[in-house]
Protein backbone atom coordinates (compact mmCIF):
# COMPACT_ATOMS: atom_id res chain seq x y z
CA MET A 1 -87.61 82.79 -54.38
CA ASN A 2 -89.85 79.97 -56.02
CA PHE A 3 -88.50 76.86 -57.10
CA ILE A 4 -90.92 74.48 -57.67
CA GLY A 5 -91.63 74.08 -61.66
CA THR A 6 -88.15 75.09 -62.28
CA TYR A 7 -84.72 73.48 -63.11
CA TRP A 8 -84.29 74.43 -59.59
CA ALA A 9 -86.10 71.01 -58.82
CA LEU A 10 -83.67 68.68 -60.57
CA VAL A 11 -80.63 70.09 -58.49
CA PRO A 12 -81.31 68.20 -55.13
CA SER A 13 -81.17 64.64 -56.90
CA LEU A 14 -78.25 65.99 -58.78
CA VAL A 15 -76.61 67.02 -55.63
CA ALA A 16 -76.76 63.75 -54.39
CA ILE A 17 -75.74 61.92 -57.08
CA ILE A 18 -72.46 64.14 -57.33
CA LEU A 19 -71.68 64.01 -53.73
CA ALA A 20 -72.00 60.25 -53.96
CA LEU A 21 -69.47 60.29 -56.91
CA ILE A 22 -67.45 62.73 -55.01
CA THR A 23 -67.68 61.34 -51.69
CA LYS A 24 -67.96 57.50 -52.33
CA GLU A 25 -70.40 57.32 -50.07
CA VAL A 26 -73.85 57.01 -50.97
CA TYR A 27 -76.01 56.82 -47.93
CA SER A 28 -74.93 60.66 -46.64
CA SER A 29 -75.12 62.00 -50.16
CA LEU A 30 -78.70 60.87 -50.53
CA PHE A 31 -79.64 62.35 -47.08
CA VAL A 32 -78.15 65.81 -47.91
CA GLY A 33 -80.04 65.82 -51.50
CA ILE A 34 -83.22 64.93 -49.40
CA VAL A 35 -82.34 67.64 -47.09
CA LEU A 36 -81.75 70.09 -49.80
CA GLY A 37 -85.30 69.10 -51.74
CA ALA A 38 -87.09 69.78 -48.25
CA VAL A 39 -85.40 73.87 -47.93
CA PHE A 40 -86.63 74.13 -51.56
CA TYR A 41 -89.96 73.20 -50.78
CA CYS A 42 -89.98 75.25 -47.25
CA VAL A 43 -88.60 78.67 -48.90
CA SER A 44 -90.86 77.87 -51.92
CA THR A 45 -93.86 77.61 -49.19
CA GLY A 46 -93.17 79.65 -46.66
CA ALA A 47 -93.30 76.53 -44.23
CA GLY A 48 -91.27 77.08 -40.96
CA LEU A 49 -88.90 74.85 -38.95
CA ASP A 50 -92.13 72.80 -38.72
CA GLY A 51 -92.68 72.23 -42.32
CA PHE A 52 -89.00 71.18 -42.82
CA VAL A 53 -89.16 68.51 -40.43
CA ASN A 54 -92.65 66.99 -41.59
CA HIS A 55 -91.26 67.67 -45.12
CA VAL A 56 -88.60 65.04 -44.78
CA LEU A 57 -90.79 63.10 -42.33
CA ASP A 58 -94.12 62.39 -43.37
CA ASP A 59 -95.92 65.38 -45.34
CA THR A 60 -99.68 65.30 -46.69
CA VAL A 61 -100.39 67.92 -48.93
CA GLY A 62 -103.46 69.29 -50.57
CA ASN A 63 -107.00 68.09 -50.29
CA GLY A 64 -109.19 65.01 -51.30
CA ALA A 65 -108.60 63.18 -54.80
CA ASP A 66 -105.17 66.25 -55.28
CA THR A 67 -103.67 64.73 -51.65
CA GLN A 68 -99.87 64.07 -51.72
CA SER A 69 -97.62 62.57 -49.21
CA PHE A 70 -94.08 63.02 -48.86
CA GLY A 71 -91.05 62.48 -46.74
CA LEU A 72 -89.13 58.63 -45.48
CA ILE A 73 -92.03 57.45 -43.39
CA HIS A 74 -94.41 57.82 -46.47
CA CYS A 75 -91.98 56.26 -48.79
CA LEU A 76 -91.76 53.34 -46.11
CA SER A 77 -95.52 53.06 -45.72
CA ASP A 78 -96.02 53.11 -48.97
CA ASN A 79 -97.59 49.74 -50.09
CA TRP A 80 -96.01 49.49 -53.21
CA ASN A 81 -92.33 50.48 -51.98
CA VAL A 82 -93.31 47.79 -49.01
CA GLY A 83 -94.10 44.70 -51.52
CA ILE A 84 -90.79 45.57 -52.83
CA ILE A 85 -89.31 44.70 -49.32
CA VAL A 86 -90.67 42.10 -48.71
CA PHE A 87 -89.94 40.77 -52.48
CA LEU A 88 -86.04 41.68 -51.31
CA VAL A 89 -86.40 40.10 -47.95
CA ILE A 90 -88.24 36.91 -49.41
CA LEU A 91 -85.22 37.00 -52.28
CA GLY A 92 -82.31 37.68 -50.03
CA THR A 93 -84.07 34.37 -48.22
CA MET A 94 -84.40 32.46 -51.44
CA VAL A 95 -80.22 33.03 -52.20
CA ALA A 96 -79.60 31.90 -48.45
CA LEU A 97 -81.86 28.54 -48.14
CA MET A 98 -80.49 27.79 -51.66
CA ASN A 99 -76.43 28.72 -50.22
CA LYS A 100 -77.59 26.53 -47.02
CA ALA A 101 -78.39 23.72 -49.26
CA GLY A 102 -75.43 23.62 -50.89
CA GLY A 103 -77.11 24.31 -54.41
CA SER A 104 -75.07 27.24 -55.35
CA ALA A 105 -71.84 25.11 -54.58
CA ALA A 106 -73.39 22.04 -56.63
CA PHE A 107 -73.68 24.62 -59.43
CA GLY A 108 -70.58 25.56 -58.80
CA LYS A 109 -68.62 22.50 -59.33
CA TRP A 110 -71.03 21.99 -62.31
CA ALA A 111 -70.03 24.73 -63.68
CA SER A 112 -66.60 24.19 -63.18
CA LYS A 113 -66.55 20.93 -65.26
CA HIS A 114 -68.44 22.80 -68.18
CA VAL A 115 -66.75 26.06 -68.06
CA LYS A 116 -63.04 26.78 -68.52
CA SER A 117 -62.55 30.16 -69.16
CA GLN A 118 -63.45 33.85 -67.85
CA VAL A 119 -65.25 34.32 -71.40
CA GLY A 120 -67.56 30.92 -70.81
CA VAL A 121 -68.73 32.35 -67.33
CA GLN A 122 -69.48 35.73 -68.36
CA ILE A 123 -71.14 33.94 -71.20
CA SER A 124 -73.11 32.21 -68.57
CA THR A 125 -73.94 35.03 -66.55
CA LEU A 126 -75.73 36.96 -69.71
CA LEU A 127 -77.32 33.75 -70.42
CA LEU A 128 -79.01 33.04 -66.78
CA GLY A 129 -79.49 37.36 -67.12
CA VAL A 130 -81.26 36.59 -70.28
CA LEU A 131 -83.61 33.65 -68.97
CA ILE A 132 -84.94 35.74 -65.80
CA PHE A 133 -86.97 38.25 -67.04
CA ILE A 134 -89.93 38.53 -65.29
CA ASP A 135 -88.72 41.26 -63.21
CA ASP A 136 -85.30 43.06 -62.62
CA TYR A 137 -84.96 43.10 -58.96
CA PHE A 138 -85.34 39.37 -59.18
CA ASN A 139 -82.53 39.41 -62.32
CA CYS A 140 -80.20 41.31 -60.36
CA LEU A 141 -80.21 39.19 -56.81
CA THR A 142 -80.47 35.84 -58.76
CA VAL A 143 -78.04 36.13 -61.39
CA GLY A 144 -75.46 37.53 -58.14
CA SER A 145 -75.94 35.04 -55.82
CA VAL A 146 -75.62 32.19 -58.15
CA MET A 147 -73.22 33.27 -60.58
CA ARG A 148 -70.35 35.25 -57.84
CA PRO A 149 -68.61 32.47 -56.68
CA ILE A 150 -67.92 31.07 -60.36
CA THR A 151 -66.86 34.37 -61.12
CA GLU A 152 -64.48 34.99 -58.71
CA GLN A 153 -63.12 31.57 -59.50
CA TYR A 154 -62.50 32.74 -62.95
CA SER A 155 -61.01 36.30 -61.88
CA VAL A 156 -63.94 38.17 -63.06
CA SER A 157 -64.10 40.92 -60.68
CA ARG A 158 -67.47 42.12 -59.05
CA GLU A 159 -67.06 45.21 -60.99
CA LYS A 160 -67.50 43.69 -64.31
CA LEU A 161 -70.13 41.30 -62.66
CA ALA A 162 -72.14 44.60 -61.65
CA TYR A 163 -72.15 45.39 -65.52
CA LEU A 164 -72.87 41.78 -66.90
CA ILE A 165 -76.08 41.58 -64.01
CA ASP A 166 -77.39 44.88 -64.79
CA SER A 167 -76.87 45.07 -68.07
CA THR A 168 -79.00 41.86 -68.62
CA ALA A 169 -81.97 43.46 -65.66
CA ALA A 170 -84.08 46.16 -66.85
CA PRO A 171 -82.72 46.20 -70.77
CA ILE A 172 -83.96 42.27 -71.13
CA CYS A 173 -87.17 43.18 -69.03
CA VAL A 174 -88.43 46.32 -71.36
CA ILE A 175 -88.39 43.94 -74.58
CA ALA A 176 -89.75 40.90 -72.43
CA PRO A 177 -94.00 40.85 -72.95
CA ILE A 178 -94.36 38.68 -70.19
CA SER A 179 -92.67 41.02 -67.45
CA SER A 180 -93.33 43.22 -64.78
CA TRP A 181 -92.15 45.82 -66.70
CA ALA A 182 -94.19 45.37 -69.28
CA ALA A 183 -97.12 45.23 -67.08
CA ALA A 184 -96.23 48.52 -65.96
CA VAL A 185 -95.98 50.47 -69.26
CA ALA A 186 -99.73 49.22 -70.26
CA GLY A 187 -100.42 50.70 -67.34
CA PHE A 188 -99.83 54.29 -68.19
CA CYS A 189 -101.24 54.01 -71.79
CA ALA A 190 -105.03 55.88 -71.96
CA ALA A 191 -107.80 54.18 -70.82
CA GLY A 192 -109.27 51.87 -73.46
CA GLU A 193 -106.16 50.74 -75.40
CA ASN A 194 -104.29 48.11 -75.30
CA GLY A 195 -101.61 48.79 -73.57
CA LEU A 196 -99.64 45.46 -73.64
CA ALA A 197 -100.00 45.51 -77.34
CA LEU A 198 -98.70 48.90 -77.73
CA PHE A 199 -95.89 47.82 -75.45
CA CYS A 200 -95.04 45.57 -78.40
CA GLN A 201 -95.35 47.24 -80.99
CA ALA A 202 -92.71 48.96 -79.31
CA ILE A 203 -89.84 46.18 -78.74
CA PRO A 204 -88.30 46.33 -82.24
CA PHE A 205 -87.41 50.22 -81.92
CA ASN A 206 -86.24 49.72 -77.87
CA PHE A 207 -82.44 50.60 -79.69
CA TYR A 208 -80.82 51.13 -76.20
CA ALA A 209 -81.96 47.74 -74.91
CA PHE A 210 -80.96 45.90 -77.59
CA PHE A 211 -77.57 47.22 -78.54
CA THR A 212 -76.63 47.29 -74.18
CA ILE A 213 -77.06 43.92 -75.49
CA ILE A 214 -75.42 43.51 -78.59
CA PHE A 215 -72.75 45.56 -77.03
CA ILE A 216 -71.86 43.13 -74.06
CA VAL A 217 -71.55 40.08 -75.64
CA THR A 218 -69.14 41.95 -77.74
CA ILE A 219 -67.22 43.23 -75.29
CA VAL A 220 -67.07 39.92 -73.51
CA LEU A 221 -66.21 37.78 -76.39
CA THR A 222 -63.79 40.08 -77.78
CA LYS A 223 -61.91 40.87 -74.12
CA TYR A 224 -61.86 44.54 -74.62
CA ASP A 225 -62.91 47.43 -71.86
CA PHE A 226 -62.53 50.76 -71.18
CA ALA A 227 -60.29 51.84 -68.22
CA ALA A 228 -62.95 52.19 -66.00
CA MET A 229 -63.30 48.24 -65.65
CA ARG A 230 -59.97 47.60 -66.28
CA LYS A 231 -58.48 48.46 -63.42
CA PHE A 232 -60.92 46.09 -61.45
CA ASN A 233 -60.04 43.18 -63.68
CA ILE A 234 -56.39 44.21 -62.99
CA VAL A 235 -57.05 43.48 -58.87
CA ALA A 236 -59.20 40.77 -59.47
CA ASP A 237 -56.84 38.84 -62.01
CA THR A 238 -54.32 39.38 -59.68
CA ASP A 239 -56.09 38.93 -56.35
CA GLY A 240 -58.80 37.02 -56.95
CA THR A 241 -61.23 39.61 -56.02
CA ASP A 242 -61.38 43.36 -54.91
CA THR A 243 -60.45 44.16 -51.51
CA ASP A 244 -61.27 47.63 -50.99
CA GLU A 245 -62.86 48.10 -47.64
CA VAL A 246 -66.05 48.95 -48.88
CA GLY A 247 -66.04 45.79 -50.15
CA LYS A 248 -64.97 43.79 -47.12
CA ILE A 249 -68.52 45.12 -45.66
CA ALA A 250 -70.55 44.70 -48.51
CA ASP A 251 -69.12 40.66 -48.11
CA ALA A 252 -70.32 41.17 -44.56
CA LYS A 253 -73.65 41.92 -45.09
CA MET A 254 -74.27 39.75 -48.70
CA GLU A 255 -73.13 36.89 -47.10
CA VAL A 256 -75.59 34.88 -47.47
CA ALA A 257 -75.85 36.14 -51.48
CA SER A 258 -72.43 35.58 -52.28
CA SER A 259 -69.21 33.27 -51.91
CA GLY A 260 -68.45 34.27 -48.51
CA ILE A 261 -69.99 31.52 -46.63
CA GLY A 262 -67.22 29.18 -47.66
CA LEU A 263 -68.34 26.74 -49.90
CA LYS A 264 -67.01 23.65 -48.07
CA LYS A 265 -69.45 24.73 -45.30
CA LEU A 266 -72.04 24.34 -47.19
CA GLY A 267 -74.49 21.24 -47.27
CA LYS A 268 -73.08 18.29 -48.87
CA LYS A 269 -75.74 16.82 -50.21
CA GLY A 270 -76.75 20.05 -52.32
CA THR A 271 -77.21 19.33 -55.73
CA VAL A 272 -77.37 21.49 -58.68
CA LEU A 273 -80.86 20.68 -58.14
CA ASP A 274 -81.58 22.88 -55.29
CA LEU A 275 -80.66 25.67 -57.40
CA VAL A 276 -82.44 25.07 -60.42
CA VAL A 277 -85.66 24.26 -58.81
CA PRO A 278 -86.01 27.43 -56.20
CA ILE A 279 -85.19 29.64 -59.73
CA LEU A 280 -88.16 27.42 -61.60
CA LEU A 281 -90.56 28.01 -58.33
CA LEU A 282 -89.82 31.63 -58.37
CA ILE A 283 -89.89 32.64 -61.94
CA GLY A 284 -92.92 30.20 -62.32
CA PHE A 285 -94.84 31.36 -59.06
CA CYS A 286 -94.07 35.25 -60.01
CA ILE A 287 -95.77 34.25 -63.20
CA LEU A 288 -98.72 33.55 -61.57
CA GLY A 289 -98.73 35.91 -59.04
CA MET A 290 -99.01 38.81 -61.44
CA ILE A 291 -101.73 37.29 -63.56
CA PHE A 292 -103.31 36.63 -60.01
CA SER A 293 -103.11 40.27 -59.00
CA GLY A 294 -104.67 41.43 -61.86
CA GLY A 295 -107.43 38.85 -62.24
CA PHE A 296 -106.80 36.04 -63.82
CA PHE A 297 -108.22 33.62 -61.31
CA ARG A 298 -111.27 36.44 -60.90
CA THR A 299 -114.60 34.62 -62.12
CA GLY A 300 -117.57 36.71 -63.64
CA ALA A 301 -117.44 40.04 -64.52
CA THR A 302 -113.88 40.93 -63.12
CA HIS A 303 -112.34 37.84 -65.17
CA HIS A 304 -108.89 38.86 -67.36
CA ASP A 305 -107.70 36.37 -69.96
CA PHE A 306 -103.59 36.20 -69.52
CA ILE A 307 -102.56 39.15 -71.55
CA ALA A 308 -105.24 41.46 -69.78
CA ALA A 309 -104.58 39.83 -66.07
CA PHE A 310 -100.61 41.09 -66.82
CA ALA A 311 -101.85 44.05 -68.37
CA ALA A 312 -103.82 44.74 -65.43
CA SER A 313 -101.13 43.66 -62.57
CA ASN A 314 -99.78 44.72 -59.54
CA ALA A 315 -96.03 43.87 -59.98
CA SER A 316 -95.94 44.87 -56.34
CA ILE A 317 -98.24 41.99 -55.08
CA GLY A 318 -98.08 40.01 -57.52
CA LEU A 319 -94.15 39.32 -56.99
CA VAL A 320 -94.99 38.77 -52.93
CA ILE A 321 -97.55 36.10 -53.46
CA GLY A 322 -95.44 34.48 -56.32
CA SER A 323 -92.10 34.55 -54.12
CA LEU A 324 -93.56 33.74 -50.86
CA THR A 325 -94.97 30.50 -52.17
CA ALA A 326 -91.66 29.22 -54.03
CA LEU A 327 -90.14 29.96 -50.48
CA ILE A 328 -92.58 28.01 -48.79
CA LEU A 329 -92.12 25.21 -51.31
CA THR A 330 -88.43 25.73 -51.82
CA GLY A 331 -88.44 25.30 -47.67
CA ILE A 332 -90.51 22.49 -48.09
CA TRP A 333 -88.14 20.78 -50.92
CA LEU A 334 -85.10 20.93 -48.98
CA VAL A 335 -86.23 20.16 -45.57
CA SER A 336 -88.06 16.72 -46.60
CA ARG A 337 -85.42 15.27 -48.80
CA ARG A 338 -83.32 16.56 -45.62
CA VAL A 339 -80.61 18.86 -47.24
CA ILE A 340 -80.75 21.45 -44.30
CA THR A 341 -82.73 21.27 -41.18
CA PHE A 342 -85.88 23.17 -40.20
CA GLU A 343 -83.66 25.10 -37.93
CA ASP A 344 -81.20 26.07 -40.46
CA ALA A 345 -84.36 27.31 -42.93
CA MET A 346 -85.75 29.48 -40.38
CA SER A 347 -82.09 30.77 -39.04
CA CYS A 348 -82.06 32.01 -42.90
CA LEU A 349 -85.05 34.21 -42.94
CA ILE A 350 -82.50 36.44 -40.22
CA LYS A 351 -79.54 35.66 -42.76
CA GLY A 352 -81.99 36.85 -46.22
CA PHE A 353 -82.91 40.07 -44.27
CA GLU A 354 -79.59 40.75 -42.83
CA ALA A 355 -78.42 40.62 -46.18
CA MET A 356 -80.84 43.18 -47.68
CA VAL A 357 -80.35 45.92 -45.18
CA PRO A 358 -77.95 47.99 -47.39
CA ALA A 359 -80.05 47.72 -49.98
CA ILE A 360 -83.12 48.22 -48.24
CA LEU A 361 -81.76 51.44 -47.01
CA ILE A 362 -80.46 53.01 -50.30
CA LEU A 363 -83.75 51.98 -51.55
CA ALA A 364 -85.38 53.82 -48.89
CA LEU A 365 -83.67 56.82 -48.89
CA ALA A 366 -84.32 57.29 -53.33
CA TRP A 367 -87.57 56.80 -52.54
CA THR A 368 -87.46 59.44 -50.50
CA LEU A 369 -85.24 61.57 -52.19
CA LYS A 370 -87.58 61.23 -55.28
CA SER A 371 -90.57 62.20 -53.22
CA MET A 372 -88.65 65.43 -52.35
CA THR A 373 -88.45 65.87 -56.35
CA ASP A 374 -91.76 65.47 -57.31
CA SER A 375 -93.10 67.75 -54.48
CA LEU A 376 -90.95 69.99 -56.74
CA GLU A 377 -92.28 69.54 -59.54
CA ALA A 378 -89.57 68.22 -61.68
CA ALA A 379 -91.73 65.92 -63.77
CA SER A 380 -93.97 68.73 -64.68
CA TYR A 381 -91.11 70.76 -65.65
CA VAL A 382 -89.31 68.49 -67.88
CA ALA A 383 -92.72 67.57 -69.78
CA HIS A 384 -93.59 70.85 -70.26
CA LEU A 385 -89.97 71.28 -71.74
CA ILE A 386 -91.15 68.59 -74.57
CA GLU A 387 -94.48 69.67 -74.90
CA GLY A 388 -93.07 73.09 -76.02
CA THR A 389 -90.77 71.36 -79.41
CA GLY A 390 -92.26 72.03 -82.39
CA LEU A 391 -89.58 69.41 -84.15
CA GLN A 392 -91.62 66.53 -85.30
CA THR A 393 -88.97 63.98 -86.72
CA LEU A 394 -86.60 64.79 -83.81
CA LEU A 395 -89.42 64.16 -81.23
CA PRO A 396 -88.20 60.32 -80.81
CA ALA A 397 -84.83 61.92 -80.18
CA VAL A 398 -85.40 64.56 -78.17
CA ILE A 399 -87.91 61.96 -75.47
CA PHE A 400 -85.07 59.71 -75.67
CA VAL A 401 -82.58 62.12 -74.03
CA THR A 402 -85.06 63.22 -71.64
CA ALA A 403 -86.01 59.82 -70.77
CA CYS A 404 -82.62 59.56 -70.16
CA PHE A 405 -82.01 62.44 -67.89
CA LEU A 406 -84.81 62.19 -66.40
CA ALA A 407 -84.52 58.59 -65.20
CA PHE A 408 -80.70 59.40 -64.49
CA ALA A 409 -81.92 62.31 -61.70
CA THR A 410 -84.82 60.78 -60.53
CA GLY A 411 -83.32 57.25 -60.42
CA THR A 412 -86.46 55.16 -61.68
CA SER A 413 -87.57 54.49 -64.86
CA TRP A 414 -91.21 53.43 -64.17
CA GLY A 415 -91.81 56.99 -62.98
CA THR A 416 -90.43 58.02 -66.22
CA PHE A 417 -92.91 55.70 -67.61
CA GLY A 418 -95.86 57.32 -65.88
CA ILE A 419 -94.61 61.24 -67.21
CA LEU A 420 -94.01 61.07 -70.76
CA ILE A 421 -95.43 58.07 -71.98
CA PRO A 422 -98.96 59.89 -71.24
CA ILE A 423 -97.79 62.50 -73.22
CA CYS A 424 -96.48 60.34 -76.35
CA VAL A 425 -100.10 59.25 -76.49
CA ALA A 426 -101.54 62.52 -76.51
CA VAL A 427 -99.42 63.81 -79.27
CA PHE A 428 -99.12 61.24 -81.59
CA PRO A 429 -102.54 59.19 -83.12
CA VAL A 430 -103.24 55.96 -82.69
CA GLY A 431 -101.41 53.66 -85.42
CA THR A 432 -99.16 56.53 -86.60
CA PRO A 433 -95.35 55.00 -86.90
CA LEU A 434 -94.44 58.43 -84.81
CA ARG A 435 -96.68 57.13 -81.87
CA ILE A 436 -95.07 53.64 -81.96
CA ILE A 437 -91.11 55.54 -82.35
CA SER A 438 -91.45 57.99 -79.74
CA ILE A 439 -93.20 55.65 -76.68
CA SER A 440 -90.45 53.21 -77.30
CA ALA A 441 -87.85 56.03 -77.02
CA CYS A 442 -89.29 56.70 -73.95
CA MET A 443 -88.73 53.29 -72.76
CA ALA A 444 -85.11 53.01 -73.78
CA GLY A 445 -84.35 56.88 -72.85
CA ALA A 446 -85.99 55.78 -69.18
CA VAL A 447 -83.85 52.30 -68.93
CA CYS A 448 -80.75 54.17 -70.19
CA GLY A 449 -81.54 57.17 -67.51
CA ASP A 450 -82.31 53.89 -65.01
CA HIS A 451 -78.89 52.34 -66.07
CA ILE A 452 -76.21 54.50 -65.16
CA SER A 453 -78.24 56.85 -61.98
CA PRO A 454 -76.16 55.65 -58.78
CA ILE A 455 -79.37 56.39 -57.21
CA SER A 456 -81.54 54.22 -59.30
CA ASP A 457 -82.70 50.91 -57.66
CA THR A 458 -81.88 48.40 -60.02
CA THR A 459 -78.27 49.85 -60.14
CA ILE A 460 -78.51 49.77 -56.57
CA MET A 461 -79.92 46.32 -56.59
CA ALA A 462 -77.40 44.88 -59.55
CA SER A 463 -73.83 46.69 -57.03
CA ALA A 464 -75.84 44.29 -54.26
CA GLY A 465 -75.81 41.30 -56.16
CA ALA A 466 -72.43 41.12 -56.74
CA GLY A 467 -71.78 42.22 -54.16
CA CYS A 468 -69.58 45.20 -54.81
CA LYS A 469 -68.78 48.60 -54.00
CA HIS A 470 -71.91 50.44 -55.22
CA VAL A 471 -70.02 53.71 -56.87
CA ASN A 472 -67.41 51.53 -58.23
CA HIS A 473 -70.02 49.79 -60.32
CA VAL A 474 -71.63 53.18 -61.33
CA SER A 475 -68.21 54.50 -62.54
CA SER A 476 -66.97 51.67 -64.26
CA GLN A 477 -70.43 51.07 -65.83
CA LEU A 478 -70.62 54.54 -66.96
CA PRO A 479 -68.27 54.71 -70.39
CA TYR A 480 -70.34 51.63 -71.67
CA ALA A 481 -73.65 53.02 -71.21
CA ILE A 482 -72.59 56.51 -72.41
CA THR A 483 -71.22 55.00 -76.05
CA VAL A 484 -74.67 52.85 -76.49
CA ALA A 485 -77.17 55.90 -75.38
CA VAL A 486 -75.20 57.86 -77.96
CA ILE A 487 -75.38 55.30 -80.33
CA SER A 488 -79.05 54.79 -79.78
CA PHE A 489 -80.07 58.47 -79.83
CA LEU A 490 -78.70 59.11 -83.36
CA THR A 491 -81.07 55.58 -84.13
CA TYR A 492 -83.82 57.34 -82.74
CA ILE A 493 -82.90 60.72 -85.11
CA VAL A 494 -82.69 58.49 -88.32
CA ALA A 495 -85.74 56.72 -86.81
CA GLY A 496 -87.75 59.90 -86.63
CA CYS A 497 -86.33 60.93 -90.24
CA THR A 498 -87.32 57.47 -91.90
CA GLN A 499 -90.96 57.73 -89.88
CA SER A 500 -92.60 58.35 -92.89
CA MET A 501 -92.04 55.54 -94.65
CA GLY A 502 -94.20 52.81 -92.31
CA VAL A 503 -93.06 51.37 -88.74
CA MET A 504 -91.45 48.34 -90.99
CA GLN A 505 -89.32 50.29 -93.49
CA SER A 506 -88.11 52.64 -90.39
CA GLY A 507 -87.59 50.03 -88.00
CA ALA A 508 -85.03 47.99 -91.03
CA ILE A 509 -83.28 51.26 -92.41
CA SER A 510 -83.03 52.42 -88.16
CA TRP A 511 -81.26 48.79 -87.71
CA ALA A 512 -79.19 48.99 -90.21
CA PHE A 513 -78.27 52.12 -89.05
CA GLY A 514 -77.57 51.44 -86.22
CA LEU A 515 -75.83 48.13 -85.96
CA LEU A 516 -73.49 49.86 -88.87
CA ALA A 517 -72.78 52.71 -85.90
CA LEU A 518 -72.28 50.18 -82.90
CA ALA A 519 -69.79 48.47 -85.24
CA SER A 520 -67.92 51.31 -86.35
CA THR A 521 -67.67 52.65 -82.94
CA PHE A 522 -66.55 49.66 -81.42
CA PHE A 523 -63.75 49.88 -84.16
CA ILE A 524 -62.60 53.48 -83.66
CA LEU A 525 -62.51 52.72 -79.66
CA LYS A 526 -60.26 49.43 -80.01
CA LYS A 527 -58.13 51.64 -82.49
CA THR A 528 -57.88 54.50 -80.80
CA GLY A 529 -57.05 53.01 -77.45
CA LYS A 530 -59.91 53.57 -75.72
CA LEU A 531 -60.65 49.73 -76.02
CA GLN A 532 -58.17 47.42 -74.61
CA LYS A 533 -57.81 43.92 -73.63
């Protein structure tokens, strides 16, 4: 029986997702999906037990330029993935340094004087998420570690914090011209085409990203929530925190990324600057690291200007360069001022790594599951379905749904970009409105699917940053994401039908429709009791 290139290729990811939601245990669910994917592949290719073991761990298929590798060991040795892991460890260490120095405690004291309500602290969380636009990983972990002590002080549940973090991570990065996401999307465009310019043109049509931000601000200001989130808010209001057992375990492992260290034990000399300076260093040097990897500082023919360097950058390498530089300077800044000792600074390396272990483990398993679906050619199957449709005006909406499903099943936005953007570029001529709208629909759908997928790296990072149980975050965030996704889908239908009027006219009509639909949906959900205070 052949499972490769058929709908069966999506089954391993779906099984992993369903098991995670049922068992509320992510590690074993991901592993089951990996094993199932390897079984499907070996049955299709006729490989025996030896082939099965190799495919799960480290399998190489093909020759020369067509060589592909799959399995856990391959994923953990991949240059890009290793860079992301190193970046996470450095971020964990940075968080540990900021907490050890008392920067988080000082910011908490400052915020407690200026932020006087649950609404205020949630708005502050959103603003911080918007400001940290350079990368979604950086965003998730930094916002979570900085804001969690304050949100707990005002009885904002960890699940609500995770939703706030997740909604200002990928949705912000995908509409920021200077971000690792812009560089990734630009790299998927055709050779000779200014991918970054195309990315910027598509920003106004990224309805899911904009509507998500608008919807969450409305939710925060009006204090309405879905039942899936309200039950956690009630726990936070009564107990001050989420007290389930897994949450306690996450606290122990995420100690340096939360208020769990005990604010009274933190550095007494710490000031707000001990939080602000490291964050500014991270943002600044991550940008420099990105353009460095893109050739901005090279001489001769390989030199690129700022925009071209950002478009050609390697986000994995650039973020490691930037974060490592920021870490070294932060250590020097804190030790030279005698806020912490050199020994304490070095101990933060271990604590930072320990804090990231759960997230790294989930990422490793999620990457491996993606490699299983890659070996089963799930992407080719989905791409073939898209190319077979003949409804041009509905294609943006079709692409949006397809990108949602593909990103949800595989847990990756960037992988979805790599599959669908080249198709959009090839199908539509240069300069046509439908080309821009379709590329934007692809990006929006990928972010949507990534937003709600339990095996998504950014979803995992949001849970880790907030210190909440991962499945709780997924289930409580789902109603909000689905609501915005439906409105975005309808808006893309309008955009496709009005694209013949031109980009500006289509954009204006689509935005008017989308905002009206968003307001009407909120009113209906409130009147029917789906949204309650």
